[in-house]
Amino acid sequence: MPTLKRITDGAGDQGARSEALKINKEGKLEIISNRPTLGCAMLVGSVTARSYRHQDYWLTTYITEIIEEKEDYVKFRTGNSIYEWWA
């Protein structure tokens, strides 16, 4: 199950939904990949709403740098944080 965690405090989420999102030329949100991708925001969490939970997903700001990348792991930097993602 995909997991996303911010390094500084461990905040993030996990769930079946893992999407690298970008706004296309028509101004619509487009799914580019299911793993962190340069220039995209990363969303990880539940496919449906969770009952009795304070959040359903975690969405980062745009990815500015891929620090480390392996088959099932990516460490990346956004405009204001560093994250780790596992497949």
PDB file of N, CA and C in Angstrom:
ATOM      1  N   MET A   1       0.838  -1.173   0.000  1.00  0.00           N
ATOM      2  CA  MET A   1       0.000   0.000   0.000  1.00  0.00           C
ATOM      3  C   MET A   1       0.890   1.245   0.000  1.00  0.00           C
ATOM      4  N   PRO A   2       0.680   2.173  -0.933  1.00  0.00           N
ATOM      5  CA  PRO A   2       1.503   3.367  -0.995  1.00  0.00           C
ATOM      6  C   PRO A   2       1.472   4.164   0.315  1.00  0.00           C
ATOM      7  N   THR A   3       2.646   4.676   0.692  1.00  0.00           N
ATOM      8  CA  THR A   3       2.801   5.456   1.921  1.00  0.00           C
ATOM      9  C   THR A   3       3.591   6.713   1.598  1.00  0.00           C
ATOM     10  N   LEU A   4       3.161   7.845   2.162  1.00  0.00           N
ATOM     11  CA  LEU A   4       3.829   9.124   1.979  1.00  0.00           C
ATOM     12  C   LEU A   4       4.068   9.738   3.352  1.00  0.00           C
ATOM     13  N   LYS A   5       5.323  10.093   3.653  1.00  0.00           N
ATOM     14  CA  LYS A   5       5.643  10.686   4.954  1.00  0.00           C
ATOM     15  C   LYS A   5       6.580  11.868   4.783  1.00  0.00           C
ATOM     16  N   ARG A   6       6.253  12.947   5.510  1.00  0.00           N
ATOM     17  CA  ARG A   6       7.133  14.112   5.551  1.00  0.00           C
ATOM     18  C   ARG A   6       8.245  13.811   6.544  1.00  0.00           C
ATOM     19  N   ILE A   7       9.482  14.046   6.176  1.00  0.00           N
ATOM     20  CA  ILE A   7      10.619  13.670   7.003  1.00  0.00           C
ATOM     21  C   ILE A   7      10.667  14.433   8.326  1.00  0.00           C
ATOM     22  N   THR A   8      10.336  15.700   8.329  1.00  0.00           N
ATOM     23  CA  THR A   8      10.492  16.507   9.541  1.00  0.00           C
ATOM     24  C   THR A   8       9.626  16.049  10.708  1.00  0.00           C
ATOM     25  N   ASP A   9       8.409  15.602  10.426  1.00  0.00           N
ATOM     26  CA  ASP A   9       7.499  15.253  11.529  1.00  0.00           C
ATOM     27  C   ASP A   9       6.719  13.962  11.326  1.00  0.00           C
ATOM     28  N   GLY A  10       6.940  13.252  10.229  1.00  0.00           N
ATOM     29  CA  GLY A  10       6.247  11.986   9.991  1.00  0.00           C
ATOM     30  C   GLY A  10       4.813  12.128   9.519  1.00  0.00           C
ATOM     31  N   ALA A  11       4.367  13.361   9.287  1.00  0.00           N
ATOM     32  CA  ALA A  11       3.003  13.568   8.800  1.00  0.00           C
ATOM     33  C   ALA A  11       2.879  13.029   7.389  1.00  0.00           C
ATOM     34  N   GLY A  12       1.690  12.604   7.019  1.00  0.00           N
ATOM     35  CA  GLY A  12       1.440  12.071   5.689  1.00  0.00           C
ATOM     36  C   GLY A  12       0.248  11.140   5.725  1.00  0.00           C
ATOM     37  N   ASP A  13       0.239  10.157   4.854  1.00  0.00           N
ATOM     38  CA  ASP A  13      -0.889   9.228   4.790  1.00  0.00           C
ATOM     39  C   ASP A  13      -0.466   7.978   4.023  1.00  0.00           C
ATOM     40  N   GLN A  14      -1.342   6.986   4.044  1.00  0.00           N
ATOM     41  CA  GLN A  14      -1.163   5.789   3.232  1.00  0.00           C
ATOM     42  C   GLN A  14      -2.527   5.328   2.771  1.00  0.00           C
ATOM     43  N   GLY A  15      -2.548   4.618   1.658  1.00  0.00           N
ATOM     44  CA  GLY A  15      -3.809   4.132   1.123  1.00  0.00           C
ATOM     45  C   GLY A  15      -3.642   3.680  -0.309  1.00  0.00           C
ATOM     46  N   ALA A  16      -4.718   3.188  -0.881  1.00  0.00           N
ATOM     47  CA  ALA A  16      -4.688   2.645  -2.229  1.00  0.00           C
ATOM     48  C   ALA A  16      -4.548   3.722  -3.303  1.00  0.00           C
ATOM     49  N   ARG A  17      -4.850   4.961  -2.962  1.00  0.00           N
ATOM     50  CA  ARG A  17      -4.779   6.057  -3.924  1.00  0.00           C
ATOM     51  C   ARG A  17      -3.390   6.694  -3.886  1.00  0.00           C
ATOM     52  N   SER A  18      -2.690   6.684  -5.002  1.00  0.00           N
ATOM     53  CA  SER A  18      -1.370   7.282  -5.134  1.00  0.00           C
ATOM     54  C   SER A  18      -1.299   7.929  -6.510  1.00  0.00           C
ATOM     55  N   GLU A  19      -1.304   9.272  -6.557  1.00  0.00           N
ATOM     56  CA  GLU A  19      -1.386   9.981  -7.832  1.00  0.00           C
ATOM     57  C   GLU A  19      -0.439  11.173  -7.879  1.00  0.00           C
ATOM     58  N   ALA A  20       0.327  11.272  -8.955  1.00  0.00           N
ATOM     59  CA  ALA A  20       1.109  12.471  -9.242  1.00  0.00           C
ATOM     60  C   ALA A  20       0.218  13.351 -10.113  1.00  0.00           C
ATOM     61  N   LEU A  21      -0.124  14.543  -9.626  1.00  0.00           N
ATOM     62  CA  LEU A  21      -1.105  15.405 -10.280  1.00  0.00           C
ATOM     63  C   LEU A  21      -0.464  16.671 -10.840  1.00  0.00           C
ATOM     64  N   LYS A  22      -0.992  17.102 -11.988  1.00  0.00           N
ATOM     65  CA  LYS A  22      -0.500  18.317 -12.624  1.00  0.00           C
ATOM     66  C   LYS A  22      -1.670  18.989 -13.341  1.00  0.00           C
ATOM     67  N   ILE A  23      -1.661  20.303 -13.393  1.00  0.00           N
ATOM     68  CA  ILE A  23      -2.698  21.030 -14.127  1.00  0.00           C
ATOM     69  C   ILE A  23      -2.258  21.098 -15.591  1.00  0.00           C
ATOM     70  N   ASN A  24      -3.128  20.623 -16.501  1.00  0.00           N
ATOM     71  CA  ASN A  24      -2.780  20.589 -17.922  1.00  0.00           C
ATOM     72  C   ASN A  24      -3.054  21.931 -18.605  1.00  0.00           C
ATOM     73  N   LYS A  25      -2.832  21.999 -19.910  1.00  0.00           N
ATOM     74  CA  LYS A  25      -2.977  23.250 -20.662  1.00  0.00           C
ATOM     75  C   LYS A  25      -4.408  23.783 -20.661  1.00  0.00           C
ATOM     76  N   GLU A  26      -5.369  22.880 -20.481  1.00  0.00           N
ATOM     77  CA  GLU A  26      -6.775  23.296 -20.439  1.00  0.00           C
ATOM     78  C   GLU A  26      -7.197  23.733 -19.037  1.00  0.00           C
ATOM     79  N   GLY A  27      -6.267  23.677 -18.080  1.00  0.00           N
ATOM     80  CA  GLY A  27      -6.563  24.096 -16.715  1.00  0.00           C
ATOM     81  C   GLY A  27      -7.228  23.014 -15.879  1.00  0.00           C
ATOM     82  N   LYS A  28      -7.186  21.774 -16.340  1.00  0.00           N
ATOM     83  CA  LYS A  28      -7.802  20.666 -15.611  1.00  0.00           C
ATOM     84  C   LYS A  28      -6.734  19.816 -14.940  1.00  0.00           C
ATOM     85  N   LEU A  29      -7.093  19.235 -13.813  1.00  0.00           N
ATOM     86  CA  LEU A  29      -6.184  18.373 -13.078  1.00  0.00           C
ATOM     87  C   LEU A  29      -6.014  17.056 -13.817  1.00  0.00           C
ATOM     88  N   GLU A  30      -4.775  16.626 -14.002  1.00  0.00           N
ATOM     89  CA  GLU A  30      -4.472  15.413 -14.754  1.00  0.00           C
ATOM     90  C   GLU A  30      -3.570  14.502 -13.924  1.00  0.00           C
ATOM     91  N   ILE A  31      -3.865  13.207 -13.928  1.00  0.00           N
ATOM     92  CA  ILE A  31      -3.023  12.230 -13.254  1.00  0.00           C
ATOM     93  C   ILE A  31      -1.902  11.856 -14.221  1.00  0.00           C
ATOM     94  N   ILE A  32      -0.655  12.115 -13.816  1.00  0.00           N
ATOM     95  CA  ILE A  32       0.502  11.866 -14.666  1.00  0.00           C
ATOM     96  C   ILE A  32       1.095  10.478 -14.407  1.00  0.00           C
ATOM     97  N   SER A  33       1.102  10.054 -13.138  1.00  0.00           N
ATOM     98  CA  SER A  33       1.715   8.792 -12.744  1.00  0.00           C
ATOM     99  C   SER A  33       1.142   8.358 -11.401  1.00  0.00           C
ATOM    100  N   ASN A  34       1.526   7.162 -10.962  1.00  0.00           N
ATOM    101  CA  ASN A  34       1.112   6.716  -9.625  1.00  0.00           C
ATOM    102  C   ASN A  34       2.272   6.823  -8.637  1.00  0.00           C
ATOM    103  N   ARG A  35       3.403   7.391  -9.072  1.00  0.00           N
ATOM    104  CA  ARG A  35       4.565   7.583  -8.200  1.00  0.00           C
ATOM    105  C   ARG A  35       5.053   9.024  -8.340  1.00  0.00           C
ATOM    106  N   PRO A  36       5.818   9.519  -7.379  1.00  0.00           N
ATOM    107  CA  PRO A  36       6.276  10.908  -7.430  1.00  0.00           C
ATOM    108  C   PRO A  36       6.979  11.245  -8.745  1.00  0.00           C
ATOM    109  N   THR A  37       6.599  12.393  -9.310  1.00  0.00           N
ATOM    110  CA  THR A  37       7.105  12.842 -10.598  1.00  0.00           C
ATOM    111  C   THR A  37       7.461  14.320 -10.506  1.00  0.00           C
ATOM    112  N   LEU A  38       8.605  14.698 -11.010  1.00  0.00           N
ATOM    113  CA  LEU A  38       9.066  16.077 -10.993  1.00  0.00           C
ATOM    114  C   LEU A  38       8.029  16.999 -11.617  1.00  0.00           C
ATOM    115  N   GLY A  39       7.720  18.111 -10.948  1.00  0.00           N
ATOM    116  CA  GLY A  39       6.760  19.082 -11.470  1.00  0.00           C
ATOM    117  C   GLY A  39       5.312  18.788 -11.127  1.00  0.00           C
ATOM    118  N   CYS A  40       5.069  17.692 -10.400  1.00  0.00           N
ATOM    119  CA  CYS A  40       3.705  17.310 -10.018  1.00  0.00           C
ATOM    120  C   CYS A  40       3.520  17.409  -8.508  1.00  0.00           C
ATOM    121  N   ALA A  41       2.281  17.526  -8.071  1.00  0.00           N
ATOM    122  CA  ALA A  41       1.934  17.396  -6.658  1.00  0.00           C
ATOM    123  C   ALA A  41       1.635  15.924  -6.418  1.00  0.00           C
ATOM    124  N   MET A  42       1.924  15.427  -5.220  1.00  0.00           N
ATOM    125  CA  MET A  42       1.708  14.012  -4.914  1.00  0.00           C
ATOM    126  C   MET A  42       0.560  13.864  -3.928  1.00  0.00           C
ATOM    127  N   LEU A  43      -0.399  13.001  -4.271  1.00  0.00           N
ATOM    128  CA  LEU A  43      -1.547  12.726  -3.410  1.00  0.00           C
ATOM    129  C   LEU A  43      -1.528  11.246  -3.045  1.00  0.00           C
ATOM    130  N   VAL A  44      -1.609  10.947  -1.755  1.00  0.00           N
ATOM    131  CA  VAL A  44      -1.679   9.563  -1.275  1.00  0.00           C
ATOM    132  C   VAL A  44      -2.758   9.489  -0.212  1.00  0.00           C
ATOM    133  N   GLY A  45      -3.588   8.449  -0.285  1.00  0.00           N
ATOM    134  CA  GLY A  45      -4.629   8.269   0.718  1.00  0.00           C
ATOM    135  C   GLY A  45      -5.697   7.292   0.285  1.00  0.00           C
ATOM    136  N   SER A  46      -6.874   7.499   0.816  1.00  0.00           N
ATOM    137  CA  SER A  46      -7.999   6.609   0.588  1.00  0.00           C
ATOM    138  C   SER A  46      -8.675   6.892  -0.752  1.00  0.00           C
ATOM    139  N   VAL A  47      -9.171   5.848  -1.383  1.00  0.00           N
ATOM    140  CA  VAL A  47      -9.930   5.991  -2.630  1.00  0.00           C
ATOM    141  C   VAL A  47     -11.308   6.567  -2.326  1.00  0.00           C
ATOM    142  N   THR A  48     -11.868   6.194  -1.194  1.00  0.00           N
ATOM    143  CA  THR A  48     -13.161   6.715  -0.749  1.00  0.00           C
ATOM    144  C   THR A  48     -12.977   7.407   0.593  1.00  0.00           C
ATOM    145  N   ALA A  49     -13.983   8.112   1.039  1.00  0.00           N
ATOM    146  CA  ALA A  49     -13.910   8.804   2.325  1.00  0.00           C
ATOM    147  C   ALA A  49     -13.814   7.796   3.467  1.00  0.00           C
ATOM    148  N   ARG A  50     -12.993   8.111   4.445  1.00  0.00           N
ATOM    149  CA  ARG A  50     -12.832   7.250   5.617  1.00  0.00           C
ATOM    150  C   ARG A  50     -13.787   7.705   6.707  1.00  0.00           C
ATOM    151  N   SER A  51     -14.377   6.776   7.365  1.00  0.00           N
ATOM    152  CA  SER A  51     -15.283   7.104   8.469  1.00  0.00           C
ATOM    153  C   SER A  51     -14.488   7.391   9.732  1.00  0.00           C
ATOM    154  N   TYR A  52     -14.882   8.418  10.447  1.00  0.00           N
ATOM    155  CA  TYR A  52     -14.306   8.746  11.755  1.00  0.00           C
ATOM    156  C   TYR A  52     -12.809   8.982  11.700  1.00  0.00           C
ATOM    157  N   ARG A  53     -12.310   9.568  10.643  1.00  0.00           N
ATOM    158  CA  ARG A  53     -10.885   9.849  10.505  1.00  0.00           C
ATOM    159  C   ARG A  53     -10.724  11.327  10.211  1.00  0.00           C
ATOM    160  N   HIS A  54      -9.692  11.941  10.700  1.00  0.00           N
ATOM    161  CA  HIS A  54      -9.494  13.379  10.519  1.00  0.00           C
ATOM    162  C   HIS A  54      -9.051  13.767   9.106  1.00  0.00           C
ATOM    163  N   GLN A  55      -8.609  12.802   8.302  1.00  0.00           N
ATOM    164  CA  GLN A  55      -8.217  13.115   6.921  1.00  0.00           C
ATOM    165  C   GLN A  55      -8.440  11.912   6.022  1.00  0.00           C
ATOM    166  N   ASP A  56      -8.626  12.184   4.731  1.00  0.00           N
ATOM    167  CA  ASP A  56      -8.825  11.129   3.738  1.00  0.00           C
ATOM    168  C   ASP A  56      -7.602  10.940   2.843  1.00  0.00           C
ATOM    169  N   TYR A  57      -6.740  11.947   2.755  1.00  0.00           N
ATOM    170  CA  TYR A  57      -5.552  11.873   1.908  1.00  0.00           C
ATOM    171  C   TYR A  57      -4.562  12.960   2.328  1.00  0.00           C
ATOM    172  N   TRP A  58      -3.351  12.899   1.762  1.00  0.00           N
ATOM    173  CA  TRP A  58      -2.332  13.931   1.965  1.00  0.00           C
ATOM    174  C   TRP A  58      -1.891  14.397   0.582  1.00  0.00           C
ATOM    175  N   LEU A  59      -1.860  15.703   0.387  1.00  0.00           N
ATOM    176  CA  LEU A  59      -1.479  16.295  -0.888  1.00  0.00           C
ATOM    177  C   LEU A  59      -0.287  17.224  -0.668  1.00  0.00           C
ATOM    178  N   THR A  60       0.790  17.003  -1.406  1.00  0.00           N
ATOM    179  CA  THR A  60       1.969  17.859  -1.286  1.00  0.00           C
ATOM    180  C   THR A  60       1.864  19.045  -2.240  1.00  0.00           C
ATOM    181  N   THR A  61       2.786  19.985  -2.090  1.00  0.00           N
ATOM    182  CA  THR A  61       2.958  21.017  -3.111  1.00  0.00           C
ATOM    183  C   THR A  61       3.773  20.381  -4.245  1.00  0.00           C
ATOM    184  N   TYR A  62       4.062  21.152  -5.284  1.00  0.00           N
ATOM    185  CA  TYR A  62       4.750  20.593  -6.448  1.00  0.00           C
ATOM    186  C   TYR A  62       6.155  20.091  -6.107  1.00  0.00           C
ATOM    187  N   ILE A  63       6.527  18.973  -6.702  1.00  0.00           N
ATOM    188  CA  ILE A  63       7.836  18.360  -6.496  1.00  0.00           C
ATOM    189  C   ILE A  63       8.872  19.141  -7.307  1.00  0.00           C
ATOM    190  N   THR A  64       9.923  19.600  -6.608  1.00  0.00           N
ATOM    191  CA  THR A  64      10.961  20.398  -7.250  1.00  0.00           C
ATOM    192  C   THR A  64      12.244  19.613  -7.494  1.00  0.00           C
ATOM    193  N   GLU A  65      12.424  18.490  -6.765  1.00  0.00           N
ATOM    194  CA  GLU A  65      13.646  17.700  -6.920  1.00  0.00           C
ATOM    195  C   GLU A  65      13.404  16.257  -6.489  1.00  0.00           C
ATOM    196  N   ILE A  66      13.888  15.306  -7.281  1.00  0.00           N
ATOM    197  CA  ILE A  66      13.909  13.897  -6.884  1.00  0.00           C
ATOM    198  C   ILE A  66      15.297  13.665  -6.282  1.00  0.00           C
ATOM    199  N   ILE A  67      15.341  13.368  -4.983  1.00  0.00           N
ATOM    200  CA  ILE A  67      16.609  13.201  -4.283  1.00  0.00           C
ATOM    201  C   ILE A  67      17.163  11.790  -4.451  1.00  0.00           C
ATOM    202  N   GLU A  68      16.278  10.804  -4.332  1.00  0.00           N
ATOM    203  CA  GLU A  68      16.676   9.396  -4.444  1.00  0.00           C
ATOM    204  C   GLU A  68      15.501   8.612  -5.016  1.00  0.00           C
ATOM    205  N   GLU A  69      15.794   7.674  -5.916  1.00  0.00           N
ATOM    206  CA  GLU A  69      14.722   6.893  -6.529  1.00  0.00           C
ATOM    207  C   GLU A  69      15.153   5.448  -6.704  1.00  0.00           C
ATOM    208  N   LYS A  70      14.324   4.545  -6.192  1.00  0.00           N
ATOM    209  CA  LYS A  70      14.511   3.108  -6.365  1.00  0.00           C
ATOM    210  C   LYS A  70      13.196   2.545  -6.890  1.00  0.00           C
ATOM    211  N   GLU A  71      13.147   1.235  -7.094  1.00  0.00           N
ATOM    212  CA  GLU A  71      11.954   0.612  -7.671  1.00  0.00           C
ATOM    213  C   GLU A  71      10.682   0.901  -6.862  1.00  0.00           C
ATOM    214  N   ASP A  72      10.761   0.777  -5.539  1.00  0.00           N
ATOM    215  CA  ASP A  72       9.562   0.958  -4.710  1.00  0.00           C
ATOM    216  C   ASP A  72       9.730   2.059  -3.665  1.00  0.00           C
ATOM    217  N   TYR A  73      10.654   3.016  -3.905  1.00  0.00           N
ATOM    218  CA  TYR A  73      10.923   4.090  -2.952  1.00  0.00           C
ATOM    219  C   TYR A  73      11.373   5.340  -3.704  1.00  0.00           C
ATOM    220  N   VAL A  74      10.847   6.501  -3.270  1.00  0.00           N
ATOM    221  CA  VAL A  74      11.284   7.780  -3.822  1.00  0.00           C
ATOM    222  C   VAL A  74      11.383   8.782  -2.673  1.00  0.00           C
ATOM    223  N   LYS A  75      12.508   9.481  -2.617  1.00  0.00           N
ATOM    224  CA  LYS A  75      12.694  10.585  -1.672  1.00  0.00           C
ATOM    225  C   LYS A  75      12.716  11.845  -2.517  1.00  0.00           C
ATOM    226  N   PHE A  76      11.873  12.828  -2.164  1.00  0.00           N
ATOM    227  CA  PHE A  76      11.777  14.017  -3.004  1.00  0.00           C
ATOM    228  C   PHE A  76      11.567  15.277  -2.178  1.00  0.00           C
ATOM    229  N   ARG A  77      11.847  16.418  -2.814  1.00  0.00           N
ATOM    230  CA  ARG A  77      11.700  17.728  -2.196  1.00  0.00           C
ATOM    231  C   ARG A  77      10.567  18.480  -2.894  1.00  0.00           C
ATOM    232  N   THR A  78       9.750  19.149  -2.098  1.00  0.00           N
ATOM    233  CA  THR A  78       8.728  20.049  -2.639  1.00  0.00           C
ATOM    234  C   THR A  78       9.191  21.478  -2.357  1.00  0.00           C
ATOM    235  N   GLY A  79       8.324  22.446  -2.572  1.00  0.00           N
ATOM    236  CA  GLY A  79       8.685  23.833  -2.303  1.00  0.00           C
ATOM    237  C   GLY A  79       9.028  24.110  -0.853  1.00  0.00           C
ATOM    238  N   ASN A  80       8.519  23.278   0.076  1.00  0.00           N
ATOM    239  CA  ASN A  80       8.757  23.570   1.482  1.00  0.00           C
ATOM    240  C   ASN A  80       9.046  22.353   2.358  1.00  0.00           C
ATOM    241  N   SER A  81       9.153  21.152   1.816  1.00  0.00           N
ATOM    242  CA  SER A  81       9.374  19.956   2.635  1.00  0.00           C
ATOM    243  C   SER A  81      10.120  18.879   1.860  1.00  0.00           C
ATOM    244  N   ILE A  82      10.580  17.871   2.597  1.00  0.00           N
ATOM    245  CA  ILE A  82      11.168  16.673   1.993  1.00  0.00           C
ATOM    246  C   ILE A  82      10.302  15.483   2.418  1.00  0.00           C
ATOM    247  N   TYR A  83       9.964  14.623   1.452  1.00  0.00           N
ATOM    248  CA  TYR A  83       9.080  13.487   1.685  1.00  0.00           C
ATOM    249  C   TYR A  83       9.738  12.178   1.273  1.00  0.00           C
ATOM    250  N   GLU A  84       9.207  11.091   1.809  1.00  0.00           N
ATOM    251  CA  GLU A  84       9.539   9.743   1.370  1.00  0.00           C
ATOM    252  C   GLU A  84       8.240   9.078   0.947  1.00  0.00           C
ATOM    253  N   TRP A  85       8.308   8.323  -0.145  1.00  0.00           N
ATOM    254  CA  TRP A  85       7.150   7.582  -0.677  1.00  0.00           C
ATOM    255  C   TRP A  85       7.570   6.147  -0.903  1.00  0.00           C
ATOM    256  N   TRP A  86       6.741   5.234  -0.456  1.00  0.00           N
ATOM    257  CA  TRP A  86       6.974   3.792  -0.674  1.00  0.00           C
ATOM    258  C   TRP A  86       5.780   3.207  -1.387  1.00  0.00           C
ATOM    259  N   ALA A  87       6.037   2.285  -2.309  1.00  0.00           N
ATOM    260  CA  ALA A  87       4.952   1.589  -3.021  1.00  0.00           C
ATOM    261  C   ALA A  87       4.375   0.499  -2.153  1.00  0.00           C
TER     262      ALA A  87
END
